């Protein structure tokens, strides 16, 4: 899972979109998967993508952030943003 952040440096729009939908799936399940996802430090990037005009990126980024924000309270903190 540690290589996922590096993928964003080489992916095109479709690749980033697919990666984001994978993140939606990963964060919409067990707490341990969210915990591991949070270790990737991608929240800042997700917030930036959620501000994009391109809905193909905005929608899955918002879904990931929503999944995280409705999980354990330890992740709903400004320290990750």
Protein backbone atom coordinates (compact mmCIF):
# COMPACT_ATOMS: atom_id res chain seq x y z
CA UNK A 1 0.00 0.00 0.00
CA UNK A 2 2.97 2.31 0.54
CA UNK A 3 3.55 2.67 -3.22
CA UNK A 4 0.11 4.14 -3.86
CA UNK A 5 1.04 7.79 -3.22
CA UNK A 6 3.86 7.53 -5.77
CA UNK A 7 1.42 6.32 -8.42
CA UNK A 8 -0.15 9.76 -8.62
CA UNK A 9 3.08 11.15 -10.07
CA UNK A 10 2.85 8.96 -13.18
CA UNK A 11 -0.86 8.40 -13.76
CA UNK A 12 -3.03 10.19 -16.28
CA UNK A 13 -6.53 11.45 -15.46
CA UNK A 14 -8.15 8.03 -15.93
CA UNK A 15 -5.51 6.37 -13.78
CA UNK A 16 -6.00 8.87 -10.97
CA UNK A 17 -9.75 8.42 -11.21
CA UNK A 18 -9.37 4.63 -10.93
CA UNK A 19 -7.01 4.99 -7.97
CA UNK A 20 -9.50 7.28 -6.22
CA UNK A 21 -12.34 4.80 -6.69
CA UNK A 22 -10.05 2.12 -5.23
CA UNK A 23 -9.55 4.38 -2.22
CA UNK A 24 -13.33 4.75 -1.93
CA UNK A 25 -13.62 0.97 -1.75
CA UNK A 26 -10.75 0.63 0.75
CA UNK A 27 -12.14 3.26 3.09
CA UNK A 28 -15.69 1.92 2.97
CA UNK A 29 -14.95 -1.13 5.05
CA UNK A 30 -13.21 -2.34 8.17
CA UNK A 31 -11.54 0.10 10.52
CA UNK A 32 -8.10 -1.45 10.06
CA UNK A 33 -8.20 -0.61 6.33
CA UNK A 34 -8.97 3.02 7.11
CA UNK A 35 -6.17 3.04 9.67
CA UNK A 36 -3.71 1.73 7.07
CA UNK A 37 -5.00 4.18 4.49
CA UNK A 38 -4.44 7.09 6.88
CA UNK A 39 -0.77 6.12 7.15
CA UNK A 40 -0.37 7.08 3.48
CA UNK A 41 -0.85 10.77 4.34
CA UNK A 42 -3.07 11.44 1.32
CA UNK A 43 -5.65 13.65 3.03
CA UNK A 44 -4.13 16.90 1.78
CA UNK A 45 -4.10 15.57 -1.77
CA UNK A 46 -7.70 14.37 -1.43
CA UNK A 47 -8.80 17.80 -0.21
CA UNK A 48 -7.06 19.38 -3.21
CA UNK A 49 -8.71 16.94 -5.61
CA UNK A 50 -12.10 17.61 -3.99
CA UNK A 51 -11.67 21.26 -5.03
CA UNK A 52 -11.01 20.40 -8.69
CA UNK A 53 -13.47 21.36 -11.41
CA UNK A 54 -13.21 17.87 -12.88
CA UNK A 55 -16.08 15.82 -11.41
CA UNK A 56 -14.30 12.59 -12.31
CA UNK A 57 -11.79 13.47 -9.59
CA UNK A 58 -13.94 15.52 -7.26
CA UNK A 59 -16.64 12.91 -6.63
CA UNK A 60 -14.43 9.98 -5.58
CA UNK A 61 -12.18 12.30 -3.54
CA UNK A 62 -15.24 13.54 -1.64
CA UNK A 63 -16.44 9.97 -1.15
CA UNK A 64 -13.10 8.96 0.39
CA UNK A 65 -13.14 11.97 2.70
CA UNK A 66 -16.74 11.16 3.64
CA UNK A 67 -15.87 7.54 4.41
CA UNK A 68 -13.03 8.66 6.64
CA UNK A 69 -15.09 11.32 8.39
CA UNK A 70 -17.81 8.82 9.27
CA UNK A 71 -15.36 6.29 10.68
CA UNK A 72 -13.65 6.36 14.05
CA UNK A 73 -13.45 9.78 15.73
CA UNK A 74 -9.65 9.61 15.86
CA UNK A 75 -9.52 10.40 12.12
CA UNK A 76 -11.85 13.38 12.23
CA UNK A 77 -9.18 15.86 13.15
CA UNK A 78 -7.57 18.91 11.63
CA UNK A 79 -4.13 17.39 12.14
CA UNK A 80 -4.54 15.28 8.98
CA UNK A 81 -5.48 18.19 6.72
